[in-house]
């Protein structure tokens, strides 16, 4: 007889419970269900990570103990103090700088050879300045920045203005009463009415420091004496002679002033004119005046006649306020050297100082060759 399934209330309950049991039993999930659950889990993790990133926890400050700080082993070293005093204050400039390689202080001299030569000789001139024109080295320096009267050194500027004006040198110039010195009553061999060429007047003014000749050159300048003096000062400014001033062309006025450094610039400029070189270094010169008379003039610097001196430019000067003065551009020991001596005491002291300076420069050169 066939078996028959009798349904009962228990059977009906078990039939409904069986699918639910299979759903929660391990190993019975479908792929779709697993995928859905994984996506949900990943979404939750990403949300949690974003919250952690957005909220930053305050960083606790670390307390550093003083005992934990070690002192630096690198020490700053200073060079030993050097004596930078010189026998002549202001004779050399001192430059102080820091070396980049270490912390030493480096002391450098602008002109290391000033002190030795300056201290090796006592000159009679109150102001002395010697410079190598090729290297610009200062070889001797004594009160070189002081502004002083320059007496007949003025005539170098007078000659420079005349030479650069391009005026005819063969033009005749006459000495007048206006050229007579009525302040110091200085002597002159050119009588009022004497006529000479502009070249002869310039020659006598430079070589023998003839005052009347120098004044006549200024009067015969286009525009007269005021224009000439203005041209002198304009030329000084153009040469960088900032501490120089002229009021007349002879140097008889103590208001014609300059400094040794400025006068070196004047020597440089004058040396570019062969006529000034020739006239300042001639030993003797003769001119013909009225009635056929001949006047023989000598150079006021007797060193130009010495064969062992190679002088390019020379000029002397004297008034009471300036003392005995001498400027020269000469060649010593194969070096172009400018020499400026002002307010020297004694008639021949400026010449003696020039000789002493030459010896110093030559000896310094010999020592350098050893």
Protein backbone atom coordinates (compact mmCIF):
# COMPACT_ATOMS: atom_id res chain seq x y z
CA UNK A 1 0.00 0.00 0.00
CA UNK A 2 1.55 3.24 -0.85
CA UNK A 3 2.98 5.49 1.89
CA UNK A 4 1.20 8.72 2.35
CA UNK A 5 2.52 11.95 4.09
CA UNK A 6 0.17 13.11 6.61
CA UNK A 7 0.37 16.72 7.32
CA UNK A 8 0.02 17.94 10.81
CA UNK A 9 0.57 21.28 12.47
CA UNK A 10 4.17 20.22 13.41
CA UNK A 11 4.90 19.20 9.88
CA UNK A 12 3.71 22.50 8.57
CA UNK A 13 5.97 24.44 11.05
CA UNK A 14 9.06 22.39 10.13
CA UNK A 15 8.44 22.94 6.45
CA UNK A 16 8.42 26.69 6.95
CA UNK A 17 11.50 26.67 9.26
CA UNK A 18 13.78 24.64 7.01
CA UNK A 19 14.56 27.37 4.41
CA UNK A 20 15.38 29.83 7.19
CA UNK A 21 17.82 27.38 8.77
CA UNK A 22 19.57 26.89 5.46
CA UNK A 23 20.00 30.68 5.09
CA UNK A 24 21.98 31.10 8.34
CA UNK A 25 24.00 27.94 8.01
CA UNK A 26 27.83 28.53 7.17
CA UNK A 27 28.73 27.65 3.60
CA UNK A 28 25.31 28.24 2.25
CA UNK A 29 25.71 32.02 1.16
CA UNK A 30 25.38 32.90 -2.47
CA UNK A 31 28.01 34.93 -4.41
CA UNK A 32 25.71 37.90 -4.67
CA UNK A 33 25.19 37.97 -0.95
CA UNK A 34 28.94 37.78 -0.24
CA UNK A 35 29.66 40.58 -2.69
CA UNK A 36 27.03 42.80 -1.10
CA UNK A 37 28.41 42.21 2.36
CA UNK A 38 32.04 42.94 1.24
CA UNK A 39 31.02 46.25 -0.33
CA UNK A 40 29.26 47.26 2.84
CA UNK A 41 32.32 46.42 4.92
CA UNK A 42 34.65 48.39 2.61
CA UNK A 43 32.34 51.41 2.75
CA UNK A 44 32.41 51.33 6.54
CA UNK A 45 36.23 51.09 6.64
CA UNK A 46 36.66 54.02 4.21
CA UNK A 47 34.31 56.17 6.26
CA UNK A 48 36.19 55.36 9.44
CA UNK A 49 39.56 56.18 7.83
CA UNK A 50 38.30 59.53 6.60
CA UNK A 51 37.16 60.43 10.08
CA UNK A 52 40.59 59.55 11.50
CA UNK A 53 42.30 61.74 8.88
CA UNK A 54 40.02 64.69 9.48
CA UNK A 55 40.56 64.66 13.21
CA UNK A 56 44.18 65.41 14.15
CA UNK A 57 45.28 64.68 17.59
CA UNK A 58 47.28 67.45 19.29
CA UNK A 59 51.00 66.76 19.34
CA UNK A 60 52.38 66.69 22.79
CA UNK A 61 55.34 69.05 23.36
CA UNK A 62 58.57 67.40 24.23
CA UNK A 63 60.35 68.73 27.23
CA UNK A 64 64.08 69.06 26.61
CA UNK A 65 66.27 69.02 29.59
CA UNK A 66 68.99 71.59 29.78
CA UNK A 67 71.48 68.90 30.57
CA UNK A 68 70.73 67.29 27.22
CA UNK A 69 71.99 70.33 25.22
CA UNK A 70 75.61 69.89 24.25
CA UNK A 71 77.80 72.94 23.81
CA UNK A 72 79.13 73.57 20.29
CA UNK A 73 82.68 72.40 19.73
CA UNK A 74 83.33 75.10 17.04
CA UNK A 75 84.99 78.22 18.48
CA UNK A 76 85.36 81.65 16.82
CA UNK A 77 89.03 82.59 16.66
CA UNK A 78 90.30 86.15 16.38
CA UNK A 79 93.65 87.01 14.89
CA UNK A 80 96.14 88.45 17.30
CA UNK A 81 96.03 92.24 17.56
CA UNK A 82 98.51 93.92 15.29
CA UNK A 83 100.15 97.28 15.70
CA UNK A 84 98.75 99.41 12.90
CA UNK A 85 100.18 102.72 14.08
CA UNK A 86 102.46 104.52 11.70
CA UNK A 87 105.00 107.24 12.22
CA UNK A 88 102.86 109.49 10.08
CA UNK A 89 99.12 109.33 10.82
CA UNK A 90 97.13 109.30 7.64
CA UNK A 91 100.08 108.15 5.58
CA UNK A 92 98.39 104.89 4.73
CA UNK A 93 94.85 103.62 4.81
CA UNK A 94 93.98 100.51 6.74
CA UNK A 95 91.29 98.19 5.42
CA UNK A 96 89.72 95.59 7.68
CA UNK A 97 87.67 92.70 6.30
CA UNK A 98 86.52 89.20 7.25
CA UNK A 99 87.95 86.19 5.51
CA UNK A 100 85.35 83.84 4.12
CA UNK A 101 87.35 80.70 4.90
CA UNK A 102 87.52 81.18 8.64
CA UNK A 103 86.77 83.70 11.34
CA UNK A 104 90.17 85.43 11.43
CA UNK A 105 90.22 89.20 10.96
CA UNK A 106 92.38 90.15 8.01
CA UNK A 107 94.23 93.48 8.11
CA UNK A 108 95.42 94.80 4.75
CA UNK A 109 97.41 97.90 3.90
CA UNK A 110 96.46 99.93 0.83
CA UNK A 111 100.11 100.81 0.20
CA UNK A 112 102.52 98.58 2.15
CA UNK A 113 105.63 100.49 1.13
CA UNK A 114 104.64 103.92 2.53
CA UNK A 115 105.85 103.46 6.07
CA UNK A 116 109.36 102.10 5.37
CA UNK A 117 110.42 104.95 3.04
CA UNK A 118 108.72 107.65 5.05
CA UNK A 119 110.43 106.55 8.24
CA UNK A 120 113.85 106.09 6.65
CA UNK A 121 114.60 109.76 5.98
CA UNK A 122 113.92 113.05 7.71
CA UNK A 123 113.30 115.68 5.05
CA UNK A 124 113.63 119.43 5.51
CA UNK A 125 110.39 120.03 3.60
CA UNK A 126 107.30 120.28 5.77
CA UNK A 127 105.21 118.60 3.08
CA UNK A 128 106.55 115.81 0.89
CA UNK A 129 104.78 113.43 -1.45
CA UNK A 130 106.29 110.91 -3.84
CA UNK A 131 104.28 108.63 -6.11
CA UNK A 132 105.07 106.04 -8.74
CA UNK A 133 102.92 107.13 -11.67
CA UNK A 134 102.86 103.74 -13.37
CA UNK A 135 101.77 101.63 -10.39
CA UNK A 136 100.17 104.48 -8.37
CA UNK A 137 102.20 103.29 -5.34
CA UNK A 138 102.86 106.04 -2.81
CA UNK A 139 106.56 105.94 -2.02
CA UNK A 140 106.75 108.78 0.49
CA UNK A 141 103.97 110.64 2.29
CA UNK A 142 104.29 113.53 4.69
CA UNK A 143 101.26 115.78 5.22
CA UNK A 144 100.05 115.14 1.67
CA UNK A 145 96.44 116.18 2.29
CA UNK A 146 97.18 119.69 3.57
CA UNK A 147 96.10 122.67 1.46
CA UNK A 148 98.97 125.16 1.13
CA UNK A 149 100.07 128.14 -0.98
CA UNK A 150 102.05 126.88 -3.98
CA UNK A 151 103.89 130.05 -5.11
CA UNK A 152 105.30 129.78 -8.65
CA UNK A 153 104.22 126.17 -9.07
CA UNK A 154 101.16 128.08 -10.31
CA UNK A 155 103.00 128.74 -13.56
CA UNK A 156 102.57 125.10 -14.59
CA UNK A 157 98.83 125.70 -14.77
CA UNK A 158 99.46 128.99 -16.57
CA UNK A 159 101.49 127.13 -19.19
CA UNK A 160 98.89 124.36 -19.47
CA UNK A 161 96.08 126.84 -20.21
CA UNK A 162 98.21 128.70 -22.80
CA UNK A 163 99.35 125.48 -24.49
CA UNK A 164 95.83 124.10 -24.79
CA UNK A 165 94.32 127.39 -25.99
CA UNK A 166 96.02 127.00 -29.35
CA UNK A 167 97.13 130.61 -29.43
CA UNK A 168 99.89 131.54 -31.92
CA UNK A 169 103.28 131.17 -30.24
CA UNK A 170 104.96 133.70 -32.53
CA UNK A 171 102.56 136.51 -31.58
CA UNK A 172 104.36 139.45 -29.98
CA UNK A 173 103.44 140.29 -26.39
CA UNK A 174 104.46 143.49 -24.63
CA UNK A 175 105.22 143.92 -20.95
CA UNK A 176 103.09 146.70 -19.48
CA UNK A 177 102.79 148.48 -16.17
CA UNK A 178 100.01 146.05 -15.26
CA UNK A 179 102.60 143.27 -15.11
CA UNK A 180 104.74 144.96 -12.47
CA UNK A 181 104.53 143.37 -9.00
CA UNK A 182 103.40 146.10 -6.63
CA UNK A 183 102.58 143.74 -3.77
CA UNK A 184 105.85 141.92 -3.10
CA UNK A 185 108.03 144.04 -5.39
CA UNK A 186 109.67 140.96 -6.87
CA UNK A 187 112.52 141.55 -9.30
CA UNK A 188 112.25 141.21 -13.06
CA UNK A 189 114.70 141.72 -15.90
CA UNK A 190 111.93 142.49 -18.36
CA UNK A 191 111.42 146.24 -18.41
CA UNK A 192 108.05 147.77 -19.17
CA UNK A 193 107.72 148.01 -22.95
CA UNK A 194 109.73 144.84 -23.67
CA UNK A 195 108.27 142.82 -26.52
CA UNK A 196 108.78 139.08 -26.86
CA UNK A 197 106.94 136.30 -28.61
CA UNK A 198 104.36 134.28 -26.67
CA UNK A 199 106.77 131.33 -26.90
CA UNK A 200 109.59 133.33 -25.32
CA UNK A 201 107.34 134.62 -22.56
CA UNK A 202 106.20 131.07 -21.80
CA UNK A 203 109.80 129.83 -21.88
CA UNK A 204 110.99 132.41 -19.34
CA UNK A 205 107.97 131.94 -17.09
CA UNK A 206 108.56 128.20 -16.81
CA UNK A 207 112.35 127.98 -16.80
CA UNK A 208 113.27 131.08 -14.78
CA UNK A 209 109.91 131.76 -13.08
CA UNK A 210 109.67 135.20 -14.71
CA UNK A 211 106.63 136.83 -13.08
CA UNK A 212 106.07 139.64 -15.55
CA UNK A 213 106.14 137.19 -18.44
CA UNK A 214 103.55 134.96 -16.72
CA UNK A 215 101.26 137.90 -15.99
CA UNK A 216 101.50 139.13 -19.59
CA UNK A 217 100.43 135.68 -20.84
CA UNK A 218 97.28 135.99 -18.76
CA UNK A 219 96.50 139.50 -20.01
CA UNK A 220 96.82 138.45 -23.65
CA UNK A 221 94.42 135.55 -23.25
CA UNK A 222 91.08 136.00 -25.09
CA UNK A 223 88.81 137.77 -22.60
CA UNK A 224 91.69 139.14 -20.59
CA UNK A 225 92.83 138.24 -17.08
CA UNK A 226 89.38 137.34 -15.64
CA UNK A 227 88.83 134.83 -18.45
CA UNK A 228 92.33 133.41 -17.99
CA UNK A 229 91.92 132.85 -14.24
CA UNK A 230 88.54 131.25 -14.88
CA UNK A 231 90.18 128.93 -17.42
CA UNK A 232 92.84 127.98 -14.83
CA UNK A 233 90.22 126.96 -12.29
CA UNK A 234 88.12 125.15 -14.90
CA UNK A 235 91.16 123.13 -15.92
CA UNK A 236 91.92 122.29 -12.30
CA UNK A 237 88.41 120.93 -11.82
CA UNK A 238 88.61 118.91 -15.02
CA UNK A 239 91.80 117.28 -13.73
CA UNK A 240 90.16 116.36 -10.43
CA UNK A 241 92.14 118.94 -8.45
CA UNK A 242 89.37 119.50 -5.93
CA UNK A 243 91.49 121.28 -3.32
CA UNK A 244 93.09 123.74 -5.74
CA UNK A 245 92.25 127.39 -6.42
CA UNK A 246 93.86 130.12 -8.49
CA UNK A 247 93.36 133.89 -8.38
CA UNK A 248 96.20 134.98 -10.72
CA UNK A 249 98.79 133.39 -13.07
CA UNK A 250 102.13 134.11 -11.35
CA UNK A 251 101.90 132.52 -7.89
CA UNK A 252 102.74 135.76 -6.11
CA UNK A 253 99.40 135.57 -4.30
CA UNK A 254 99.17 133.27 -1.30
CA UNK A 255 95.57 132.60 -2.34
CA UNK A 256 96.82 130.26 -5.05
CA UNK A 257 96.57 127.00 -3.08
CA UNK A 258 96.68 123.27 -3.67
CA UNK A 259 97.66 119.92 -2.16
CA UNK A 260 100.50 117.59 -3.13
CA UNK A 261 98.05 114.99 -4.45
CA UNK A 262 96.43 117.63 -6.68
CA UNK A 263 99.82 118.78 -7.92
CA UNK A 264 100.62 115.25 -9.07
CA UNK A 265 97.61 115.52 -11.38
CA UNK A 266 98.98 118.81 -12.69
CA UNK A 267 102.36 117.18 -13.37
CA UNK A 268 100.66 114.37 -15.26
CA UNK A 269 98.75 116.80 -17.46
CA UNK A 270 101.78 119.01 -18.11
CA UNK A 271 103.90 116.02 -19.12
CA UNK A 272 101.63 115.43 -22.12
CA UNK A 273 102.84 118.67 -23.74
CA UNK A 274 106.35 118.45 -25.25
CA UNK A 275 106.64 122.24 -25.17
CA UNK A 276 106.20 122.34 -21.39
CA UNK A 277 108.69 119.48 -20.99
CA UNK A 278 111.26 121.33 -23.06
CA UNK A 279 110.79 124.74 -21.44
CA UNK A 280 110.87 123.45 -17.85
CA UNK A 281 114.00 121.33 -18.33
CA UNK A 282 116.15 123.70 -20.38
CA UNK A 283 119.30 124.62 -18.47
CA UNK A 284 119.79 128.03 -20.10
CA UNK A 285 117.97 130.27 -22.52
CA UNK A 286 118.84 133.60 -24.15
CA UNK A 287 116.43 136.20 -25.48
CA UNK A 288 116.99 139.41 -27.44
CA UNK A 289 115.42 142.56 -26.02
CA UNK A 290 115.47 146.25 -26.93
CA UNK A 291 118.58 147.81 -28.43
CA UNK A 292 119.86 144.37 -29.44
CA UNK A 293 120.72 143.37 -25.90
CA UNK A 294 120.79 139.68 -25.05
CA UNK A 295 119.50 138.41 -21.73
CA UNK A 296 120.71 135.01 -20.53
CA UNK A 297 118.38 133.13 -18.17
CA UNK A 298 119.14 130.04 -16.07
CA UNK A 299 116.84 127.33 -14.80
CA UNK A 300 115.86 127.80 -11.15
CA UNK A 301 116.26 124.05 -10.58
CA UNK A 302 119.92 123.20 -10.85
CA UNK A 303 119.16 119.46 -10.98
CA UNK A 304 118.12 119.75 -14.65
CA UNK A 305 121.76 120.27 -15.59
CA UNK A 306 122.87 117.06 -13.90
CA UNK A 307 123.47 114.26 -16.38
CA UNK A 308 122.49 111.59 -13.87
CA UNK A 309 118.95 113.01 -13.53
CA UNK A 310 116.24 112.23 -16.08
CA UNK A 311 113.73 115.02 -15.44
CA UNK A 312 110.56 115.33 -17.53
CA UNK A 313 108.85 118.29 -15.80
CA UNK A 314 110.30 120.71 -13.25
CA UNK A 315 109.12 123.83 -11.45
CA UNK A 316 110.29 125.72 -8.40
CA UNK A 317 108.57 128.39 -6.34
CA UNK A 318 108.94 130.66 -3.36
CA UNK A 319 106.94 133.19 -1.36
CA UNK A 320 107.09 133.64 2.39
CA UNK A 321 103.75 131.90 2.94
CA UNK A 322 104.72 128.87 0.81
CA UNK A 323 108.40 128.52 1.64
CA UNK A 324 110.79 126.89 -0.81
CA UNK A 325 108.85 124.60 -3.18
CA UNK A 326 109.80 122.09 -5.86
CA UNK A 327 107.78 119.74 -8.04
CA UNK A 328 109.27 117.30 -10.51
CA UNK A 329 108.32 114.43 -12.72
CA UNK A 330 111.43 112.33 -13.14
CA UNK A 331 112.56 108.80 -13.85
CA UNK A 332 114.22 106.95 -10.98
CA UNK A 333 115.22 103.29 -11.13
CA UNK A 334 113.13 102.82 -14.31
CA UNK A 335 110.06 104.25 -12.60
CA UNK A 336 108.14 107.40 -13.52
CA UNK A 337 108.07 109.25 -10.19
CA UNK A 338 106.29 112.46 -9.20
CA UNK A 339 107.96 114.46 -6.42
CA UNK A 340 106.22 117.30 -4.56
CA UNK A 341 108.08 119.29 -1.89
CA UNK A 342 106.43 122.28 -0.19
CA UNK A 343 107.55 124.71 2.51
CA UNK A 344 111.11 123.58 2.69
CA UNK A 345 113.36 125.53 5.04
CA UNK A 346 116.60 126.81 3.61
CA UNK A 347 117.47 127.86 0.07
CA UNK A 348 118.95 124.53 -0.98
CA UNK A 349 116.95 122.24 1.26
CA UNK A 350 114.41 121.35 -1.44
CA UNK A 351 117.23 120.18 -3.72
CA UNK A 352 118.75 118.16 -0.88
CA UNK A 353 115.37 116.57 -0.15
CA UNK A 354 114.99 115.61 -3.82
CA UNK A 355 118.41 113.92 -3.74
CA UNK A 356 117.53 112.05 -0.54
CA UNK A 357 114.25 110.87 -2.04
CA UNK A 358 116.03 109.57 -5.13
CA UNK A 359 118.46 107.61 -2.95
CA UNK A 360 115.57 106.11 -0.97
CA UNK A 361 113.73 104.98 -4.10
CA UNK A 362 116.86 103.51 -5.65
CA UNK A 363 117.76 101.63 -2.47
CA UNK A 364 114.23 100.30 -2.14
CA UNK A 365 114.43 99.00 -5.69
CA UNK A 366 117.77 97.31 -5.03
CA UNK A 367 116.42 95.60 -1.91
CA UNK A 368 113.38 94.35 -3.83
CA UNK A 369 115.66 92.71 -6.43
CA UNK A 370 117.55 90.68 -3.80
